[in-house]
All heavy atoms as atom14 arrays in JSON, in Angstrom:
{
  "sequence": "RGMLVRPGHIAEADFNLAAEESKEQGKNIEDIL",
  "atom14_mask": [
    [1, 1, 1, 1, 1, 1, 1, 1, 1, 1, 1, 0, 0, 0],
    [1, 1, 1, 1, 0, 0, 0, 0, 0, 0, 0, 0, 0, 0],
    [1, 1, 1, 1, 1, 1, 1, 1, 0, 0, 0, 0, 0, 0],
    [1, 1, 1, 1, 1, 1, 1, 1, 0, 0, 0, 0, 0, 0],
    [1, 1, 1, 1, 1, 1, 1, 0, 0, 0, 0, 0, 0, 0],
    [1, 1, 1, 1, 1, 1, 1, 1, 1, 1, 1, 0, 0, 0],
    [1, 1, 1, 1, 1, 1, 1, 0, 0, 0, 0, 0, 0, 0],
    [1, 1, 1, 1, 0, 0, 0, 0, 0, 0, 0, 0, 0, 0],
    [1, 1, 1, 1, 1, 1, 1, 1, 1, 1, 0, 0, 0, 0],
    [1, 1, 1, 1, 1, 1, 1, 1, 0, 0, 0, 0, 0, 0],
    [1, 1, 1, 1, 1, 0, 0, 0, 0, 0, 0, 0, 0, 0],
    [1, 1, 1, 1, 1, 1, 1, 1, 1, 0, 0, 0, 0, 0],
    [1, 1, 1, 1, 1, 0, 0, 0, 0, 0, 0, 0, 0, 0],
    [1, 1, 1, 1, 1, 1, 1, 1, 0, 0, 0, 0, 0, 0],
    [1, 1, 1, 1, 1, 1, 1, 1, 1, 1, 1, 0, 0, 0],
    [1, 1, 1, 1, 1, 1, 1, 1, 0, 0, 0, 0, 0, 0],
    [1, 1, 1, 1, 1, 1, 1, 1, 0, 0, 0, 0, 0, 0],
    [1, 1, 1, 1, 1, 0, 0, 0, 0, 0, 0, 0, 0, 0],
    [1, 1, 1, 1, 1, 0, 0, 0, 0, 0, 0, 0, 0, 0],
    [1, 1, 1, 1, 1, 1, 1, 1, 1, 0, 0, 0, 0, 0],
    [1, 1, 1, 1, 1, 1, 1, 1, 1, 0, 0, 0, 0, 0],
    [1, 1, 1, 1, 1, 1, 0, 0, 0, 0, 0, 0, 0, 0],
    [1, 1, 1, 1, 1, 1, 1, 1, 1, 0, 0, 0, 0, 0],
    [1, 1, 1, 1, 1, 1, 1, 1, 1, 0, 0, 0, 0, 0],
    [1, 1, 1, 1, 1, 1, 1, 1, 1, 0, 0, 0, 0, 0],
    [1, 1, 1, 1, 0, 0, 0, 0, 0, 0, 0, 0, 0, 0],
    [1, 1, 1, 1, 1, 1, 1, 1, 1, 0, 0, 0, 0, 0],
    [1, 1, 1, 1, 1, 1, 1, 1, 0, 0, 0, 0, 0, 0],
    [1, 1, 1, 1, 1, 1, 1, 1, 0, 0, 0, 0, 0, 0],
    [1, 1, 1, 1, 1, 1, 1, 1, 1, 0, 0, 0, 0, 0],
    [1, 1, 1, 1, 1, 1, 1, 1, 0, 0, 0, 0, 0, 0],
    [1, 1, 1, 1, 1, 1, 1, 1, 0, 0, 0, 0, 0, 0],
    [1, 1, 1, 1, 1, 1, 1, 1, 0, 0, 0, 0, 0, 0]
  ],
  "atom14_positions": [
    [[0.53, -0.9, -6.94], [1.87, -0.34, -6.75], [2.28, 0.47, -7.98], [2.79, 1.58, -7.87], [2.89, -1.45, -6.49], [4.31, -0.95, -6.26], [5.31, -2.09, -6.16], [4.92, -3.11, -5.22], [5.12, -3.04, -3.91], [5.69, -1.98, -3.38], [4.74, -4.04, -3.13], [0.0, 0.0, 0.0], [0.0, 0.0, 0.0], [0.0, 0.0, 0.0]],
    [[2.02, -0.08, -9.16], [2.35, 0.6, -10.4], [1.6, 1.92, -10.57], [2.12, 2.89, -11.11], [0.0, 0.0, 0.0], [0.0, 0.0, 0.0], [0.0, 0.0, 0.0], [0.0, 0.0, 0.0], [0.0, 0.0, 0.0], [0.0, 0.0, 0.0], [0.0, 0.0, 0.0], [0.0, 0.0, 0.0], [0.0, 0.0, 0.0], [0.0, 0.0, 0.0]],
    [[0.36, 1.95, -10.1], [-0.47, 3.16, -10.21], [-0.09, 4.23, -9.2], [-0.25, 5.41, -9.46], [-1.94, 2.82, -9.99], [-2.62, 2.22, -11.16], [-4.37, 1.99, -10.76], [-4.37, 0.23, -10.52], [0.0, 0.0, 0.0], [0.0, 0.0, 0.0], [0.0, 0.0, 0.0], [0.0, 0.0, 0.0], [0.0, 0.0, 0.0], [0.0, 0.0, 0.0]],
    [[0.4, 3.79, -8.02], [0.58, 4.74, -6.92], [2.03, 5.06, -6.59], [2.36, 6.21, -6.3], [-0.11, 4.19, -5.67], [-1.61, 3.94, -5.8], [-2.16, 3.3, -4.53], [-2.34, 5.21, -6.12], [0.0, 0.0, 0.0], [0.0, 0.0, 0.0], [0.0, 0.0, 0.0], [0.0, 0.0, 0.0], [0.0, 0.0, 0.0], [0.0, 0.0, 0.0]],
    [[2.9, 4.07, -6.63], [4.29, 4.3, -6.21], [5.13, 4.85, -7.35], [5.82, 5.87, -7.18], [4.91, 2.99, -5.65], [6.39, 3.18, -5.36], [4.17, 2.55, -4.39], [0.0, 0.0, 0.0], [0.0, 0.0, 0.0], [0.0, 0.0, 0.0], [0.0, 0.0, 0.0], [0.0, 0.0, 0.0], [0.0, 0.0, 0.0], [0.0, 0.0, 0.0]],
    [[5.09, 4.21, -8.5], [5.95, 4.63, -9.61], [5.73, 6.08, -10.03], [6.69, 6.81, -10.23], [5.8, 3.67, -10.78], [6.4, 2.31, -10.45], [6.39, 1.32, -11.61], [6.72, 0.0, -11.1], [5.86, -1.02, -11.03], [4.63, -0.87, -11.46], [6.24, -2.17, -10.54], [0.0, 0.0, 0.0], [0.0, 0.0, 0.0], [0.0, 0.0, 0.0]],
    [[4.46, 6.55, -10.1], [4.25, 7.97, -10.44], [4.49, 8.93, -9.27], [4.45, 10.13, -9.44], [2.78, 8.04, -10.87], [2.31, 6.65, -11.0], [3.22, 5.79, -10.2], [0.0, 0.0, 0.0], [0.0, 0.0, 0.0], [0.0, 0.0, 0.0], [0.0, 0.0, 0.0], [0.0, 0.0, 0.0], [0.0, 0.0, 0.0], [0.0, 0.0, 0.0]],
    [[4.7, 8.38, -8.06], [5.01, 9.24, -6.93], [3.83, 9.69, -6.09], [3.97, 10.62, -5.29], [0.0, 0.0, 0.0], [0.0, 0.0, 0.0], [0.0, 0.0, 0.0], [0.0, 0.0, 0.0], [0.0, 0.0, 0.0], [0.0, 0.0, 0.0], [0.0, 0.0, 0.0], [0.0, 0.0, 0.0], [0.0, 0.0, 0.0], [0.0, 0.0, 0.0]],
    [[2.68, 9.04, -6.22], [1.52, 9.42, -5.4], [1.71, 8.99, -3.95], [1.22, 9.65, -3.03], [0.24, 8.8, -5.95], [-0.11, 9.27, -7.33], [-0.51, 10.56, -7.6], [-0.08, 8.62, -8.52], [-0.74, 10.68, -8.89], [-0.48, 9.52, -9.47], [0.0, 0.0, 0.0], [0.0, 0.0, 0.0], [0.0, 0.0, 0.0], [0.0, 0.0, 0.0]],
    [[2.39, 7.85, -3.74], [2.64, 7.3, -2.41], [4.09, 6.82, -2.36], [4.57, 6.21, -3.33], [1.7, 6.12, -2.11], [0.24, 6.59, -2.05], [2.07, 5.43, -0.8], [-0.76, 5.49, -1.84], [0.0, 0.0, 0.0], [0.0, 0.0, 0.0], [0.0, 0.0, 0.0], [0.0, 0.0, 0.0], [0.0, 0.0, 0.0], [0.0, 0.0, 0.0]],
    [[4.77, 7.07, -1.24], [6.14, 6.59, -1.07], [6.14, 5.06, -1.0], [5.22, 4.45, -0.45], [6.74, 7.16, 0.21], [0.0, 0.0, 0.0], [0.0, 0.0, 0.0], [0.0, 0.0, 0.0], [0.0, 0.0, 0.0], [0.0, 0.0, 0.0], [0.0, 0.0, 0.0], [0.0, 0.0, 0.0], [0.0, 0.0, 0.0], [0.0, 0.0, 0.0]],
    [[7.17, 4.46, -1.55], [7.26, 3.0, -1.58], [7.23, 2.39, -0.18], [6.57, 1.38, 0.06], [8.51, 2.55, -2.33], [8.56, 1.05, -2.51], [9.6, 0.59, -3.51], [10.46, 1.4, -3.9], [9.54, -0.59, -3.9], [0.0, 0.0, 0.0], [0.0, 0.0, 0.0], [0.0, 0.0, 0.0], [0.0, 0.0, 0.0], [0.0, 0.0, 0.0]],
    [[7.92, 3.02, 0.76], [7.94, 2.5, 2.14], [6.54, 2.51, 2.74], [6.13, 1.53, 3.4], [8.89, 3.32, 3.0], [0.0, 0.0, 0.0], [0.0, 0.0, 0.0], [0.0, 0.0, 0.0], [0.0, 0.0, 0.0], [0.0, 0.0, 0.0], [0.0, 0.0, 0.0], [0.0, 0.0, 0.0], [0.0, 0.0, 0.0], [0.0, 0.0, 0.0]],
    [[5.78, 3.57, 2.51], [4.41, 3.64, 3.01], [3.53, 2.57, 2.36], [2.71, 1.93, 3.02], [3.8, 5.02, 2.77], [4.43, 6.1, 3.63], [4.95, 5.78, 4.72], [4.38, 7.28, 3.22], [0.0, 0.0, 0.0], [0.0, 0.0, 0.0], [0.0, 0.0, 0.0], [0.0, 0.0, 0.0], [0.0, 0.0, 0.0], [0.0, 0.0, 0.0]],
    [[3.71, 2.39, 1.07], [2.93, 1.38, 0.35], [3.24, -0.01, 0.89], [2.34, -0.82, 1.12], [3.21, 1.45, -1.16], [2.33, 0.53, -1.95], [1.11, 0.96, -2.44], [2.73, -0.78, -2.21], [0.29, 0.1, -3.16], [1.91, -1.64, -2.93], [0.69, -1.2, -3.41], [0.0, 0.0, 0.0], [0.0, 0.0, 0.0], [0.0, 0.0, 0.0]],
    [[4.54, -0.28, 1.1], [4.93, -1.6, 1.6], [4.36, -1.87, 2.98], [3.91, -2.98, 3.26], [6.46, -1.72, 1.62], [7.04, -1.78, 0.23], [6.35, -2.08, -0.75], [8.32, -1.46, 0.11], [0.0, 0.0, 0.0], [0.0, 0.0, 0.0], [0.0, 0.0, 0.0], [0.0, 0.0, 0.0], [0.0, 0.0, 0.0], [0.0, 0.0, 0.0]],
    [[4.36, -0.86, 3.85], [3.77, -1.03, 5.19], [2.27, -1.3, 5.08], [1.73, -2.15, 5.8], [4.03, 0.21, 6.05], [5.46, 0.39, 6.55], [5.62, 1.75, 7.23], [5.85, -0.73, 7.51], [0.0, 0.0, 0.0], [0.0, 0.0, 0.0], [0.0, 0.0, 0.0], [0.0, 0.0, 0.0], [0.0, 0.0, 0.0], [0.0, 0.0, 0.0]],
    [[1.6, -0.59, 4.2], [0.16, -0.8, 4.0], [-0.11, -2.2, 3.44], [-1.07, -2.86, 3.85], [-0.41, 0.27, 3.08], [0.0, 0.0, 0.0], [0.0, 0.0, 0.0], [0.0, 0.0, 0.0], [0.0, 0.0, 0.0], [0.0, 0.0, 0.0], [0.0, 0.0, 0.0], [0.0, 0.0, 0.0], [0.0, 0.0, 0.0], [0.0, 0.0, 0.0]],
    [[0.73, -2.66, 2.53], [0.57, -4.0, 1.95], [0.73, -5.07, 3.03], [-0.04, -6.04, 3.08], [1.57, -4.22, 0.82], [0.0, 0.0, 0.0], [0.0, 0.0, 0.0], [0.0, 0.0, 0.0], [0.0, 0.0, 0.0], [0.0, 0.0, 0.0], [0.0, 0.0, 0.0], [0.0, 0.0, 0.0], [0.0, 0.0, 0.0], [0.0, 0.0, 0.0]],
    [[1.71, -4.89, 3.89], [1.94, -5.84, 4.99], [0.75, -5.84, 5.96], [0.27, -6.89, 6.37], [3.23, -5.5, 5.72], [3.63, -6.52, 6.75], [3.89, -7.91, 6.17], [4.39, -8.01, 5.04], [3.58, -8.89, 6.86], [0.0, 0.0, 0.0], [0.0, 0.0, 0.0], [0.0, 0.0, 0.0], [0.0, 0.0, 0.0], [0.0, 0.0, 0.0]],
    [[0.29, -4.66, 6.31], [-0.86, -4.54, 7.2], [-2.11, -5.17, 6.58], [-2.9, -5.82, 7.27], [-1.12, -3.07, 7.53], [-2.12, -2.85, 8.62], [-2.22, -1.39, 9.03], [-1.19, -0.69, 9.07], [-3.35, -0.96, 9.33], [0.0, 0.0, 0.0], [0.0, 0.0, 0.0], [0.0, 0.0, 0.0], [0.0, 0.0, 0.0], [0.0, 0.0, 0.0]],
    [[-2.25, -5.02, 5.28], [-3.37, -5.61, 4.56], [-3.35, -7.13, 4.7], [-4.38, -7.75, 4.96], [-3.29, -5.2, 3.09], [-4.18, -5.93, 2.3], [0.0, 0.0, 0.0], [0.0, 0.0, 0.0], [0.0, 0.0, 0.0], [0.0, 0.0, 0.0], [0.0, 0.0, 0.0], [0.0, 0.0, 0.0], [0.0, 0.0, 0.0], [0.0, 0.0, 0.0]],
    [[-2.18, -7.72, 4.53], [-2.04, -9.18, 4.68], [-2.35, -9.62, 6.1], [-3.09, -10.57, 6.32], [-0.62, -9.61, 4.34], [-0.31, -9.75, 2.9], [1.09, -10.29, 2.74], [1.56, -10.24, 1.33], [2.95, -10.71, 1.2], [0.0, 0.0, 0.0], [0.0, 0.0, 0.0], [0.0, 0.0, 0.0], [0.0, 0.0, 0.0], [0.0, 0.0, 0.0]],
    [[-1.77, -8.91, 7.07], [-1.94, -9.29, 8.47], [-3.39, -9.19, 8.93], [-3.87, -10.03, 9.69], [-1.07, -8.4, 9.36], [0.41, -8.66, 9.24], [1.26, -7.64, 9.97], [0.69, -6.71, 10.6], [2.49, -7.77, 9.91], [0.0, 0.0, 0.0], [0.0, 0.0, 0.0], [0.0, 0.0, 0.0], [0.0, 0.0, 0.0], [0.0, 0.0, 0.0]],
    [[-4.09, -8.16, 8.48], [-5.46, -7.91, 8.93], [-6.52, -8.51, 8.02], [-7.7, -8.5, 8.35], [-5.7, -6.4, 9.07], [-4.87, -5.76, 10.14], [-5.18, -4.28, 10.28], [-6.14, -3.76, 9.73], [-4.35, -3.59, 11.04], [0.0, 0.0, 0.0], [0.0, 0.0, 0.0], [0.0, 0.0, 0.0], [0.0, 0.0, 0.0], [0.0, 0.0, 0.0]],
    [[-6.1, -8.99, 6.87], [-7.07, -9.54, 5.91], [-7.99, -8.48, 5.34], [-9.12, -8.77, 4.98], [0.0, 0.0, 0.0], [0.0, 0.0, 0.0], [0.0, 0.0, 0.0], [0.0, 0.0, 0.0], [0.0, 0.0, 0.0], [0.0, 0.0, 0.0], [0.0, 0.0, 0.0], [0.0, 0.0, 0.0], [0.0, 0.0, 0.0], [0.0, 0.0, 0.0]],
    [[-7.5, -7.24, 5.25], [-8.28, -6.13, 4.7], [-7.73, -5.77, 3.32], [-6.58, -6.04, 3.0], [-8.17, -4.9, 5.61], [-8.87, -5.07, 6.95], [-8.64, -3.89, 7.87], [-9.33, -2.63, 7.43], [-9.15, -1.52, 8.4], [0.0, 0.0, 0.0], [0.0, 0.0, 0.0], [0.0, 0.0, 0.0], [0.0, 0.0, 0.0], [0.0, 0.0, 0.0]],
    [[-8.58, -5.13, 2.53], [-8.13, -4.64, 1.22], [-7.07, -3.56, 1.41], [-7.24, -2.68, 2.25], [-9.29, -4.04, 0.43], [-10.26, -5.08, -0.05], [-9.9, -6.23, -0.27], [-11.51, -4.68, -0.2], [0.0, 0.0, 0.0], [0.0, 0.0, 0.0], [0.0, 0.0, 0.0], [0.0, 0.0, 0.0], [0.0, 0.0, 0.0], [0.0, 0.0, 0.0]],
    [[-6.03, -3.62, 0.6], [-4.98, -2.62, 0.71], [-5.53, -1.22, 0.4], [-5.08, -0.24, 0.98], [-3.77, -2.97, -0.19], [-2.62, -1.98, 0.09], [-4.16, -3.01, -1.64], [-1.31, -2.35, -0.53], [0.0, 0.0, 0.0], [0.0, 0.0, 0.0], [0.0, 0.0, 0.0], [0.0, 0.0, 0.0], [0.0, 0.0, 0.0], [0.0, 0.0, 0.0]],
    [[-6.51, -1.15, -0.49], [-7.1, 0.15, -0.81], [-7.68, 0.81, 0.44], [-7.49, 2.0, 0.66], [-8.2, 0.01, -1.87], [-7.71, -0.49, -3.22], [-7.8, -2.0, -3.38], [-7.72, -2.74, -2.36], [-7.93, -2.45, -4.52], [0.0, 0.0, 0.0], [0.0, 0.0, 0.0], [0.0, 0.0, 0.0], [0.0, 0.0, 0.0], [0.0, 0.0, 0.0]],
    [[-8.36, 0.01, 1.27], [-8.95, 0.53, 2.51], [-7.86, 0.99, 3.47], [-8.0, 2.03, 4.12], [-9.83, -0.52, 3.18], [-11.08, -0.84, 2.38], [-11.51, 0.03, 1.58], [-11.61, -1.94, 2.54], [0.0, 0.0, 0.0], [0.0, 0.0, 0.0], [0.0, 0.0, 0.0], [0.0, 0.0, 0.0], [0.0, 0.0, 0.0], [0.0, 0.0, 0.0]],
    [[-6.78, 0.24, 3.56], [-5.67, 0.6, 4.45], [-5.06, 1.93, 4.0], [-4.81, 2.82, 4.82], [-4.57, -0.49, 4.46], [-5.14, -1.84, 4.91], [-3.37, -0.07, 5.28], [-5.4, -2.0, 6.37], [0.0, 0.0, 0.0], [0.0, 0.0, 0.0], [0.0, 0.0, 0.0], [0.0, 0.0, 0.0], [0.0, 0.0, 0.0], [0.0, 0.0, 0.0]],
    [[-4.81, 2.07, 2.71], [-4.21, 3.3, 2.18], [-5.07, 4.53, 2.48], [-4.55, 5.58, 2.87], [-3.98, 3.17, 0.67], [-2.95, 2.13, 0.24], [-3.02, 1.89, -1.27], [-1.54, 2.54, 0.65], [0.0, 0.0, 0.0], [0.0, 0.0, 0.0], [0.0, 0.0, 0.0], [0.0, 0.0, 0.0], [0.0, 0.0, 0.0], [0.0, 0.0, 0.0]]
  ]
}
């Protein structure tokens, strides 16, 4: 999150959705992004 959201590479809402999907699917968040 610190690498991608704070500098503005990814919107926080998009990151949060990807993080949630990562938890639900048991996949790495990097792969989801």
